[in-house]
């Protein structure tokens, strides 16, 4: 049985390496231009080379997003950009614009091209159109159900793969084709600068009563009429695999490395458990608890089982739930002494109870009983961003493991 791919977001080089370390089969990332996440750190040419080497040496595939909707002024610099990166060894390119597609085929005739979700692919006729042009993987629009995915798979050639988002933010506009951001504040979502105006509070004004604003209320807190809950499909790994999908995609190139580590780790455990025993697979609540330890909204299954209703919207707040704080990352560990070198990410003080977690393992809990600065002096707290400290660990750890504490 060919194992389904777990595809992770890599907003910058650190997140790429984190995704690889925590169990991703593939990563997707943007360069410094022509990607639909301008707010992500993205990768310079040198970082791209380093990231490709790091991932591919560990058997992880690398996909570059080139999924803007290009304007006239983009074409010449895009061609130059493609000439610059064509020999890097990128495994596939994510594209939504037919003109960009043709440019890539012109500059790199043998390139593997994946159709981005921005292309709004929702039916087998369109799938066959792109297949005829040479596309061999399509990232499905988020608006498709399991029954539609199964029909697509049945009606299309065996070598046409389908990829679908299974976790992360849901866009209120049709597969991301949002005009609100551009209209309201001049930030073009289709050039990677979305300001998420769908999550703002709104009021109603009647034409003949200018200046009189009527709140659109569900309760005394107000409402967020376009504020979808986050997609989460970890409870439905068997259904995802049996639908014929080739790749399960995690949203979040603008999320933190802490987020990437938790989400990839949880889905990795759930997927691996399925392949170890498909008939006896049972969902473990501990996987969901791990997902809830990073910033998140309430969860929904999106369009997979039925069209979303008012139950899939959050009318109370657009804020994230953040119950845990990312406090540090292990840089070095000496098993003979049990001490680790920690790079601080948020303040820790003596007496804090922290959880320590890493890839392919369970977390353990310990108290912060001693800390030392770089001079070897004992300290009571580490309040400075990215401060380097030494700490005695209650269990064996490895570089890249992370520390968190409950708020």
Foldseek 3Di string as FASTA:
>chain_A
DDAFFEEFEALELLLLLLLQFQDGQEYEFEDCFQALAVVGPTYYPVSLLVSCVSRVVSNHAYEYENAFADDPVVPVVLLVVCLVCVPSPHQAYEYQYVVSVVSNCVNHVPHAYEYELVNADQALVVVVVVVVVPHQEYEHWLQDALVSLLVSCVPDDVRRAYEYEAWFADALDGSQCDDVQCVPPNQHSSRNGRPPPLFDFDWDDDPVGPPDTHFPAPDPQGFRVSAFFIGHCLQPLVSVVVSRHRYYYYDDSRDDSLLSSLLSQLSSVSSVQCVVPVVPRHDDVVSVVSNLQAWGGDYDNDPHHHHDDPVRGDTRHNGTDHFKDWFWFFAAADVVQQKTKTFTAAKDFFQAKKWKDGHPDDIDIDGFHWKAFPVRHTDGMDHDHRGIIMGRDPDDDHGGITMMGTD
